[in-house]
């Protein structure tokens, strides 16, 4: 599940910036909690950033479950771009921006981490997931969700990057 809509302005990079859910984001989480009412859930994991924890907590409270928050599920650290409109990147560093558009692995050097760093964090989290047939909910951000999807589905990350992971949405993955 991707966290709901936040209080951050649209188009602003909020990787590690710890913003809260907007009222719309809280409504999205309530709708998802209702939608998931018939699902069997045993564990709820979340990024430790407020927008994800708030989303996860809304679902957890309806289930009588606790939320296990971890830094490993944080969005990519946008470094110098945190809190800034990403459109500025295309004006200030057009070559890096174009390279990033052409290959998502080529993050601009001014970002706080690489895709490999993000993959390592998410891989560490994935290795700790229960291996039994328990149903889990993971609430996080676009980047970590795409990487987790690739790891669990056994597909390449480029394919997983095409999954939309819209704000306030659930993507179900059934593992054999």
N, C-alpha and C. Protein backbone atom coordinates (compact mmCIF):
# COMPACT_ATOMS: atom_id res chain seq x y z
N UNK A 1 0.85 -1.17 0.00
CA UNK A 1 0.00 0.00 0.00
C UNK A 1 0.90 1.24 0.00
N UNK A 2 0.56 2.18 -0.87
CA UNK A 2 1.27 3.44 -0.84
C UNK A 2 0.51 4.39 0.08
N UNK A 3 1.25 5.14 0.86
CA UNK A 3 0.63 6.09 1.78
C UNK A 3 -0.32 7.04 1.05
N UNK A 4 -1.18 7.68 1.80
CA UNK A 4 -2.14 8.61 1.22
C UNK A 4 -1.51 9.96 0.88
N UNK A 5 -2.33 10.81 0.31
CA UNK A 5 -1.93 12.17 -0.07
C UNK A 5 -1.42 12.93 1.15
N UNK A 6 -0.36 13.69 0.96
CA UNK A 6 0.28 14.40 2.06
C UNK A 6 -0.01 15.91 2.02
N UNK A 7 0.52 16.59 3.02
CA UNK A 7 0.39 18.05 3.09
C UNK A 7 1.43 18.76 2.22
N UNK A 8 2.36 18.02 1.64
CA UNK A 8 3.39 18.63 0.80
C UNK A 8 2.79 19.11 -0.52
N UNK A 9 3.27 20.22 -1.04
CA UNK A 9 2.79 20.68 -2.34
C UNK A 9 3.11 19.66 -3.44
N UNK A 10 2.25 19.55 -4.43
CA UNK A 10 2.49 18.65 -5.55
C UNK A 10 3.77 19.05 -6.28
N UNK A 11 4.52 18.05 -6.72
CA UNK A 11 5.73 18.30 -7.48
C UNK A 11 6.97 18.56 -6.66
N UNK A 12 6.83 18.57 -5.33
CA UNK A 12 7.96 18.82 -4.45
C UNK A 12 8.53 17.48 -4.00
N UNK A 13 9.83 17.35 -3.99
CA UNK A 13 10.50 16.11 -3.57
C UNK A 13 10.39 15.98 -2.05
N UNK A 14 9.81 14.87 -1.62
CA UNK A 14 9.66 14.64 -0.17
C UNK A 14 10.13 13.25 0.22
N UNK A 15 11.27 12.85 -0.26
CA UNK A 15 11.79 11.53 0.09
C UNK A 15 11.85 11.30 1.58
N UNK A 16 12.80 11.91 2.28
CA UNK A 16 12.96 11.72 3.72
C UNK A 16 12.32 12.85 4.52
N UNK A 17 11.75 13.83 3.83
CA UNK A 17 11.04 14.89 4.53
C UNK A 17 9.83 14.27 5.21
N UNK A 18 9.65 14.55 6.48
CA UNK A 18 8.65 13.85 7.29
C UNK A 18 7.35 14.65 7.38
N UNK A 19 6.58 14.62 6.32
CA UNK A 19 5.30 15.34 6.28
C UNK A 19 4.15 14.43 6.71
N UNK A 20 3.06 15.05 7.10
CA UNK A 20 1.88 14.31 7.54
C UNK A 20 0.91 14.08 6.39
N UNK A 21 -0.05 13.21 6.66
CA UNK A 21 -1.14 13.03 5.71
C UNK A 21 -2.02 14.27 5.69
N UNK A 22 -2.49 14.60 4.52
CA UNK A 22 -3.52 15.64 4.39
C UNK A 22 -4.86 14.99 4.73
N UNK A 23 -5.91 15.80 4.97
CA UNK A 23 -7.23 15.20 5.22
C UNK A 23 -7.63 14.21 4.13
N UNK A 24 -7.31 14.50 2.88
CA UNK A 24 -7.61 13.57 1.78
C UNK A 24 -6.86 12.25 1.96
N UNK A 25 -5.61 12.32 2.41
CA UNK A 25 -4.82 11.12 2.66
C UNK A 25 -5.42 10.27 3.77
N UNK A 26 -5.94 10.91 4.79
CA UNK A 26 -6.60 10.17 5.87
C UNK A 26 -7.87 9.48 5.35
N UNK A 27 -8.61 10.18 4.50
CA UNK A 27 -9.82 9.57 3.90
C UNK A 27 -9.43 8.38 3.02
N UNK A 28 -8.35 8.53 2.25
CA UNK A 28 -7.88 7.42 1.42
C UNK A 28 -7.54 6.21 2.28
N UNK A 29 -6.86 6.43 3.40
CA UNK A 29 -6.49 5.34 4.29
C UNK A 29 -7.73 4.68 4.89
N UNK A 30 -8.73 5.46 5.25
CA UNK A 30 -9.98 4.90 5.79
C UNK A 30 -10.67 4.03 4.74
N UNK A 31 -10.71 4.50 3.51
CA UNK A 31 -11.32 3.72 2.43
C UNK A 31 -10.57 2.41 2.23
N UNK A 32 -9.24 2.47 2.25
CA UNK A 32 -8.45 1.26 2.09
C UNK A 32 -8.63 0.32 3.27
N UNK A 33 -8.75 0.86 4.48
CA UNK A 33 -8.98 0.02 5.65
C UNK A 33 -10.29 -0.74 5.50
N UNK A 34 -11.31 -0.07 5.00
CA UNK A 34 -12.61 -0.73 4.76
C UNK A 34 -12.46 -1.78 3.67
N UNK A 35 -11.77 -1.44 2.62
CA UNK A 35 -11.58 -2.36 1.50
C UNK A 35 -10.81 -3.62 1.93
N UNK A 36 -9.90 -3.47 2.87
CA UNK A 36 -9.08 -4.59 3.32
C UNK A 36 -9.72 -5.36 4.48
N UNK A 37 -10.91 -4.97 4.90
CA UNK A 37 -11.55 -5.59 6.06
C UNK A 37 -11.71 -7.09 5.92
N UNK A 38 -11.93 -7.58 4.73
CA UNK A 38 -12.15 -9.02 4.54
C UNK A 38 -10.84 -9.78 4.29
N UNK A 39 -9.73 -9.07 4.17
CA UNK A 39 -8.44 -9.73 3.95
C UNK A 39 -7.87 -10.23 5.26
N UNK A 40 -7.19 -11.33 5.18
CA UNK A 40 -6.50 -11.88 6.35
C UNK A 40 -5.14 -11.19 6.46
N UNK A 41 -4.94 -10.44 7.53
CA UNK A 41 -3.66 -9.78 7.76
C UNK A 41 -3.10 -10.23 9.10
N UNK A 42 -1.82 -10.56 9.10
CA UNK A 42 -1.15 -10.95 10.34
C UNK A 42 -0.09 -9.96 10.77
N UNK A 43 0.46 -9.22 9.81
CA UNK A 43 1.53 -8.27 10.10
C UNK A 43 1.32 -7.02 9.25
N UNK A 44 1.62 -5.87 9.85
CA UNK A 44 1.60 -4.61 9.10
C UNK A 44 2.95 -3.94 9.32
N UNK A 45 3.66 -3.72 8.22
CA UNK A 45 4.96 -3.06 8.23
C UNK A 45 4.81 -1.70 7.56
N UNK A 46 5.64 -0.76 7.98
CA UNK A 46 5.55 0.58 7.43
C UNK A 46 6.92 1.25 7.42
N UNK A 47 7.08 2.16 6.49
CA UNK A 47 8.19 3.11 6.57
C UNK A 47 8.02 3.85 7.89
N UNK A 48 9.11 4.34 8.44
CA UNK A 48 9.02 5.07 9.71
C UNK A 48 8.64 6.53 9.53
N UNK A 49 8.42 6.97 8.31
CA UNK A 49 8.02 8.36 8.08
C UNK A 49 6.52 8.52 8.35
N UNK A 50 6.14 9.67 8.93
CA UNK A 50 4.77 9.89 9.41
C UNK A 50 3.68 9.57 8.40
N UNK A 51 3.87 9.97 7.15
CA UNK A 51 2.80 9.75 6.17
C UNK A 51 2.50 8.27 6.00
N UNK A 52 3.50 7.43 6.07
CA UNK A 52 3.30 5.99 5.95
C UNK A 52 2.76 5.41 7.25
N UNK A 53 3.35 5.82 8.39
CA UNK A 53 2.89 5.31 9.68
C UNK A 53 1.43 5.68 9.93
N UNK A 54 1.06 6.91 9.59
CA UNK A 54 -0.34 7.32 9.77
C UNK A 54 -1.28 6.46 8.93
N UNK A 55 -0.90 6.20 7.69
CA UNK A 55 -1.72 5.36 6.81
C UNK A 55 -1.82 3.95 7.39
N UNK A 56 -0.69 3.39 7.78
CA UNK A 56 -0.67 2.03 8.32
C UNK A 56 -1.47 1.93 9.62
N UNK A 57 -1.38 2.95 10.45
CA UNK A 57 -2.07 2.94 11.74
C UNK A 57 -3.57 2.93 11.57
N UNK A 58 -4.08 3.63 10.59
CA UNK A 58 -5.53 3.64 10.33
C UNK A 58 -6.00 2.23 10.02
N UNK A 59 -5.24 1.51 9.20
CA UNK A 59 -5.60 0.12 8.89
C UNK A 59 -5.41 -0.76 10.12
N UNK A 60 -4.30 -0.61 10.80
CA UNK A 60 -3.99 -1.45 11.97
C UNK A 60 -5.02 -1.30 13.07
N UNK A 61 -5.47 -0.08 13.31
CA UNK A 61 -6.44 0.15 14.38
C UNK A 61 -7.74 -0.60 14.15
N UNK A 62 -8.13 -0.74 12.91
CA UNK A 62 -9.35 -1.49 12.60
C UNK A 62 -9.16 -2.99 12.80
N UNK A 63 -7.92 -3.43 12.80
CA UNK A 63 -7.61 -4.86 12.87
C UNK A 63 -7.12 -5.31 14.24
N UNK A 64 -6.85 -4.37 15.12
CA UNK A 64 -6.26 -4.72 16.40
C UNK A 64 -4.82 -5.17 16.26
N UNK A 65 -4.13 -4.68 15.23
CA UNK A 65 -2.73 -5.04 14.98
C UNK A 65 -1.84 -3.84 15.30
N UNK A 66 -0.58 -4.10 15.49
CA UNK A 66 0.38 -3.02 15.66
C UNK A 66 1.13 -2.81 14.35
N UNK A 67 1.72 -1.66 14.23
CA UNK A 67 2.51 -1.31 13.04
C UNK A 67 3.98 -1.45 13.39
N UNK A 68 4.70 -2.18 12.58
CA UNK A 68 6.14 -2.33 12.75
C UNK A 68 6.83 -1.40 11.75
N UNK A 69 7.34 -0.28 12.24
CA UNK A 69 7.94 0.74 11.38
C UNK A 69 9.44 0.51 11.23
N UNK A 70 9.95 0.80 10.04
CA UNK A 70 11.37 0.62 9.75
C UNK A 70 11.89 1.68 8.79
N UNK A 71 13.11 2.11 9.02
CA UNK A 71 13.78 3.06 8.12
C UNK A 71 14.06 2.44 6.76
N UNK A 72 14.14 1.12 6.71
CA UNK A 72 14.47 0.44 5.46
C UNK A 72 13.44 0.69 4.37
N UNK A 73 12.23 1.08 4.74
CA UNK A 73 11.17 1.31 3.76
C UNK A 73 11.00 2.79 3.39
N UNK A 74 11.92 3.62 3.81
CA UNK A 74 11.84 5.05 3.44
C UNK A 74 12.01 5.21 1.93
N UNK A 75 11.45 6.30 1.43
CA UNK A 75 11.65 6.68 0.03
C UNK A 75 13.12 7.04 -0.16
N UNK A 76 13.53 7.13 -1.41
CA UNK A 76 14.90 7.54 -1.71
C UNK A 76 15.14 8.92 -1.09
N UNK A 77 16.34 9.13 -0.60
CA UNK A 77 16.74 10.42 -0.02
C UNK A 77 17.05 11.37 -1.18
N UNK A 78 16.23 12.40 -1.32
CA UNK A 78 16.42 13.34 -2.42
C UNK A 78 17.52 14.36 -2.16
N UNK A 79 18.21 14.26 -1.03
CA UNK A 79 19.37 15.11 -0.75
C UNK A 79 19.07 16.58 -0.91
N UNK A 80 19.85 17.24 -1.77
CA UNK A 80 19.71 18.68 -1.99
C UNK A 80 18.35 19.05 -2.56
N UNK A 81 17.61 18.08 -3.07
CA UNK A 81 16.31 18.36 -3.68
C UNK A 81 15.14 18.21 -2.72
N UNK A 82 15.41 17.73 -1.50
CA UNK A 82 14.32 17.60 -0.51
C UNK A 82 13.63 18.95 -0.33
N UNK A 83 12.32 18.93 -0.44
CA UNK A 83 11.52 20.13 -0.24
C UNK A 83 11.51 21.09 -1.40
N UNK A 84 12.17 20.73 -2.47
CA UNK A 84 12.23 21.61 -3.65
C UNK A 84 11.41 21.01 -4.79
N UNK A 85 10.88 21.86 -5.65
CA UNK A 85 10.18 21.34 -6.83
C UNK A 85 11.17 20.59 -7.73
N UNK A 86 10.81 19.36 -8.10
CA UNK A 86 11.69 18.59 -8.99
C UNK A 86 11.80 19.24 -10.36
N UNK A 87 10.84 20.07 -10.73
CA UNK A 87 10.92 20.77 -12.01
C UNK A 87 12.18 21.63 -12.08
N UNK A 88 12.66 22.11 -10.92
CA UNK A 88 13.88 22.92 -10.90
C UNK A 88 15.09 22.10 -11.36
N UNK A 89 15.08 20.81 -11.11
CA UNK A 89 16.19 19.95 -11.53
C UNK A 89 16.36 20.01 -13.04
N UNK A 90 15.25 20.04 -13.77
CA UNK A 90 15.32 20.06 -15.23
C UNK A 90 15.88 21.40 -15.72
N UNK A 91 15.69 22.46 -14.97
CA UNK A 91 16.24 23.76 -15.35
C UNK A 91 17.71 23.89 -14.93
N UNK A 92 18.04 23.41 -13.72
CA UNK A 92 19.37 23.61 -13.17
C UNK A 92 20.38 22.55 -13.60
N UNK A 93 19.93 21.34 -13.80
CA UNK A 93 20.82 20.23 -14.19
C UNK A 93 20.17 19.41 -15.29
N UNK A 94 19.95 20.02 -16.46
CA UNK A 94 19.20 19.33 -17.51
C UNK A 94 19.83 18.02 -17.99
N UNK A 95 21.15 17.94 -18.03
CA UNK A 95 21.79 16.70 -18.48
C UNK A 95 21.52 15.56 -17.51
N UNK A 96 21.66 15.84 -16.21
CA UNK A 96 21.37 14.81 -15.20
C UNK A 96 19.89 14.44 -15.20
N UNK A 97 19.05 15.42 -15.38
CA UNK A 97 17.60 15.17 -15.41
C UNK A 97 17.24 14.27 -16.60
N UNK A 98 17.79 14.56 -17.76
CA UNK A 98 17.51 13.74 -18.95
C UNK A 98 18.05 12.32 -18.77
N UNK A 99 19.24 12.22 -18.18
CA UNK A 99 19.83 10.89 -17.94
C UNK A 99 18.93 10.08 -16.99
N UNK A 100 18.38 10.74 -15.99
CA UNK A 100 17.49 10.09 -15.03
C UNK A 100 16.19 9.65 -15.72
N UNK A 101 15.66 10.51 -16.58
CA UNK A 101 14.45 10.15 -17.33
C UNK A 101 14.69 8.92 -18.21
N UNK A 102 15.87 8.85 -18.81
CA UNK A 102 16.18 7.74 -19.70
C UNK A 102 16.47 6.44 -18.94
N UNK A 103 17.01 6.56 -17.73
CA UNK A 103 17.39 5.39 -16.94
C UNK A 103 17.21 5.74 -15.47
N UNK A 104 16.16 5.19 -14.85
CA UNK A 104 15.84 5.55 -13.47
C UNK A 104 16.99 5.24 -12.49
N UNK A 105 17.92 4.40 -12.89
CA UNK A 105 19.06 4.08 -12.02
C UNK A 105 20.09 5.22 -11.99
N UNK A 106 20.00 6.13 -12.93
CA UNK A 106 20.98 7.22 -13.00
C UNK A 106 20.47 8.45 -12.27
N UNK A 107 20.30 8.29 -10.96
CA UNK A 107 19.85 9.42 -10.15
C UNK A 107 20.86 10.55 -10.20
N UNK A 108 20.39 11.78 -10.18
CA UNK A 108 21.32 12.91 -10.17
C UNK A 108 22.28 12.83 -8.98
N UNK A 109 23.50 13.30 -9.17
CA UNK A 109 24.52 13.21 -8.12
C UNK A 109 24.17 14.03 -6.89
N UNK A 110 23.27 15.00 -7.03
CA UNK A 110 22.89 15.84 -5.89
C UNK A 110 21.87 15.17 -4.97
N UNK A 111 21.40 13.97 -5.35
CA UNK A 111 20.50 13.24 -4.46
C UNK A 111 21.31 12.61 -3.33
N UNK A 112 20.63 12.29 -2.24
CA UNK A 112 21.31 11.81 -1.04
C UNK A 112 21.70 10.35 -1.06
N UNK A 113 21.19 9.58 -2.01
CA UNK A 113 21.57 8.18 -2.12
C UNK A 113 21.32 7.70 -3.54
N UNK A 114 21.77 6.50 -3.82
CA UNK A 114 21.62 5.91 -5.15
C UNK A 114 20.48 4.89 -5.13
N UNK A 115 20.09 4.44 -6.31
CA UNK A 115 19.10 3.37 -6.40
C UNK A 115 19.66 2.11 -5.75
N UNK A 116 20.96 1.89 -5.87
CA UNK A 116 21.58 0.73 -5.24
C UNK A 116 21.45 0.80 -3.73
N UNK A 117 21.59 2.01 -3.15
CA UNK A 117 21.39 2.18 -1.71
C UNK A 117 19.96 1.82 -1.32
N UNK A 118 19.01 2.31 -2.11
CA UNK A 118 17.59 2.03 -1.86
C UNK A 118 17.32 0.53 -1.98
N UNK A 119 17.87 -0.09 -3.02
CA UNK A 119 17.70 -1.54 -3.20
C UNK A 119 18.26 -2.32 -2.02
N UNK A 120 19.38 -1.88 -1.50
CA UNK A 120 20.00 -2.56 -0.37
C UNK A 120 19.10 -2.48 0.87
N UNK A 121 18.57 -1.29 1.14
CA UNK A 121 17.68 -1.12 2.30
C UNK A 121 16.44 -1.98 2.17
N UNK A 122 15.80 -1.94 1.00
CA UNK A 122 14.57 -2.70 0.80
C UNK A 122 14.86 -4.20 0.79
N UNK A 123 16.00 -4.59 0.24
CA UNK A 123 16.39 -6.00 0.27
C UNK A 123 16.58 -6.50 1.69
N UNK A 124 17.17 -5.67 2.54
CA UNK A 124 17.34 -6.03 3.95
C UNK A 124 15.97 -6.26 4.60
N UNK A 125 15.03 -5.36 4.32
CA UNK A 125 13.67 -5.53 4.85
C UNK A 125 13.04 -6.82 4.32
N UNK A 126 13.13 -7.04 3.02
CA UNK A 126 12.50 -8.21 2.40
C UNK A 126 13.04 -9.51 2.98
N UNK A 127 14.32 -9.53 3.31
CA UNK A 127 14.92 -10.75 3.85
C UNK A 127 14.40 -11.08 5.24
N UNK A 128 13.77 -10.12 5.90
CA UNK A 128 13.26 -10.32 7.25
C UNK A 128 11.76 -10.58 7.29
N UNK A 129 11.11 -10.59 6.12
CA UNK A 129 9.67 -10.87 6.09
C UNK A 129 9.41 -12.31 6.52
N UNK A 130 8.27 -12.55 7.16
CA UNK A 130 7.93 -13.92 7.53
C UNK A 130 7.87 -14.81 6.29
N UNK A 131 8.42 -16.00 6.41
CA UNK A 131 8.41 -16.91 5.27
C UNK A 131 7.24 -17.88 5.32
N UNK A 132 6.50 -17.85 6.41
CA UNK A 132 5.31 -18.71 6.49
C UNK A 132 4.23 -18.12 5.60
N UNK A 133 3.10 -18.75 5.58
CA UNK A 133 2.03 -18.30 4.69
C UNK A 133 1.21 -17.18 5.33
N UNK A 134 1.86 -16.29 6.09
CA UNK A 134 1.11 -15.20 6.71
C UNK A 134 0.92 -14.05 5.74
N UNK A 135 -0.20 -13.40 5.88
CA UNK A 135 -0.51 -12.26 5.02
C UNK A 135 0.03 -10.99 5.66
N UNK A 136 0.76 -10.22 4.87
CA UNK A 136 1.35 -8.99 5.38
C UNK A 136 0.90 -7.80 4.55
N UNK A 137 0.88 -6.66 5.20
CA UNK A 137 0.63 -5.39 4.52
C UNK A 137 1.88 -4.55 4.72
N UNK A 138 2.37 -4.00 3.63
CA UNK A 138 3.53 -3.11 3.68
C UNK A 138 3.05 -1.74 3.20
N UNK A 139 3.25 -0.73 4.04
CA UNK A 139 2.86 0.63 3.69
C UNK A 139 4.15 1.44 3.53
N UNK A 140 4.33 1.96 2.34
CA UNK A 140 5.58 2.67 2.06
C UNK A 140 5.37 3.70 0.96
N UNK A 141 6.42 3.94 0.20
CA UNK A 141 6.50 4.99 -0.80
C UNK A 141 6.75 4.35 -2.16
N UNK A 142 6.65 5.14 -3.20
CA UNK A 142 6.73 4.61 -4.55
C UNK A 142 8.01 3.80 -4.83
N UNK A 143 9.16 4.38 -4.54
CA UNK A 143 10.42 3.71 -4.83
C UNK A 143 10.58 2.39 -4.10
N UNK A 144 10.46 2.38 -2.77
CA UNK A 144 10.59 1.12 -2.04
C UNK A 144 9.55 0.08 -2.45
N UNK A 145 8.33 0.51 -2.75
CA UNK A 145 7.31 -0.46 -3.16
C UNK A 145 7.67 -1.11 -4.50
N UNK A 146 8.20 -0.33 -5.43
CA UNK A 146 8.60 -0.90 -6.72
C UNK A 146 9.73 -1.92 -6.53
N UNK A 147 10.69 -1.59 -5.70
CA UNK A 147 11.80 -2.50 -5.48
C UNK A 147 11.33 -3.75 -4.75
N UNK A 148 10.48 -3.59 -3.74
CA UNK A 148 9.96 -4.74 -3.01
C UNK A 148 9.15 -5.64 -3.95
N UNK A 149 8.35 -5.04 -4.80
CA UNK A 149 7.57 -5.79 -5.78
C UNK A 149 8.50 -6.63 -6.67
N UNK A 150 9.55 -6.01 -7.16
CA UNK A 150 10.50 -6.73 -8.03
C UNK A 150 11.14 -7.90 -7.28
N UNK A 151 11.55 -7.66 -6.06
CA UNK A 151 12.19 -8.72 -5.27
C UNK A 151 11.25 -9.88 -5.02
N UNK A 152 10.01 -9.58 -4.63
CA UNK A 152 9.07 -10.64 -4.27
C UNK A 152 8.47 -11.34 -5.48
N UNK A 153 8.24 -10.59 -6.54
CA UNK A 153 7.63 -11.17 -7.74
C UNK A 153 8.67 -11.86 -8.63
N UNK A 154 9.93 -11.58 -8.36
CA UNK A 154 10.99 -12.19 -9.17
C UNK A 154 11.09 -11.57 -10.55
N UNK A 155 10.69 -10.33 -10.69
CA UNK A 155 10.79 -9.65 -11.99
C UNK A 155 11.90 -8.62 -11.92
N UNK A 156 12.27 -8.07 -13.07
CA UNK A 156 13.31 -7.06 -13.03
C UNK A 156 12.72 -5.74 -12.54
N UNK A 157 13.58 -4.94 -12.00
CA UNK A 157 13.13 -3.70 -11.37
C UNK A 157 12.54 -2.73 -12.39
N UNK A 158 13.01 -2.81 -13.63
CA UNK A 158 12.47 -1.93 -14.67
C UNK A 158 10.98 -2.23 -14.89
N UNK A 159 10.60 -3.49 -14.86
CA UNK A 159 9.18 -3.86 -15.01
C UNK A 159 8.40 -3.41 -13.79
N UNK A 160 8.95 -3.60 -12.62
CA UNK A 160 8.24 -3.20 -11.40
C UNK A 160 8.08 -1.68 -11.33
N UNK A 161 9.01 -0.96 -11.92
CA UNK A 161 8.94 0.51 -11.91
C UNK A 161 7.73 1.00 -12.72
N UNK A 162 7.19 0.15 -13.59
CA UNK A 162 6.04 0.53 -14.41
C UNK A 162 4.71 0.36 -13.66
N UNK A 163 4.72 -0.35 -12.52
CA UNK A 163 3.50 -0.49 -11.71
C UNK A 163 3.20 0.89 -11.12
N UNK A 164 1.95 1.38 -11.22
CA UNK A 164 1.69 2.77 -10.86
C UNK A 164 1.87 3.14 -9.38
N UNK A 165 1.51 2.30 -8.43
CA UNK A 165 1.61 2.62 -7.01
C UNK A 165 1.11 4.03 -6.71
N UNK A 166 -0.14 4.28 -7.05
CA UNK A 166 -0.74 5.61 -6.83
C UNK A 166 -0.87 5.91 -5.34
N UNK A 167 -0.89 7.19 -4.99
CA UNK A 167 -1.11 7.58 -3.60
C UNK A 167 -2.41 6.98 -3.10
N UNK A 168 -2.39 6.42 -1.90
CA UNK A 168 -3.59 5.86 -1.30
C UNK A 168 -4.13 4.65 -2.02
N UNK A 169 -3.24 3.82 -2.60
CA UNK A 169 -3.70 2.64 -3.33
C UNK A 169 -3.04 1.38 -2.78
N UNK A 170 -3.66 0.24 -3.10
CA UNK A 170 -3.12 -1.06 -2.71
C UNK A 170 -2.80 -1.84 -3.98
N UNK A 171 -1.64 -2.48 -3.96
CA UNK A 171 -1.24 -3.39 -5.01
C UNK A 171 -1.05 -4.75 -4.37
N UNK A 172 -1.80 -5.74 -4.82
CA UNK A 172 -1.74 -7.06 -4.20
C UNK A 172 -0.77 -7.95 -4.96
N UNK A 173 0.01 -8.69 -4.20
CA UNK A 173 0.96 -9.62 -4.79
C UNK A 173 0.81 -10.94 -4.04
N UNK A 174 0.42 -11.97 -4.78
CA UNK A 174 0.27 -13.29 -4.17
C UNK A 174 1.47 -14.14 -4.54
N UNK A 175 2.12 -14.65 -3.52
CA UNK A 175 3.31 -15.47 -3.73
C UNK A 175 2.96 -16.94 -3.56
N UNK A 176 3.56 -17.75 -4.40
CA UNK A 176 3.29 -19.20 -4.32
C UNK A 176 4.10 -19.85 -3.23
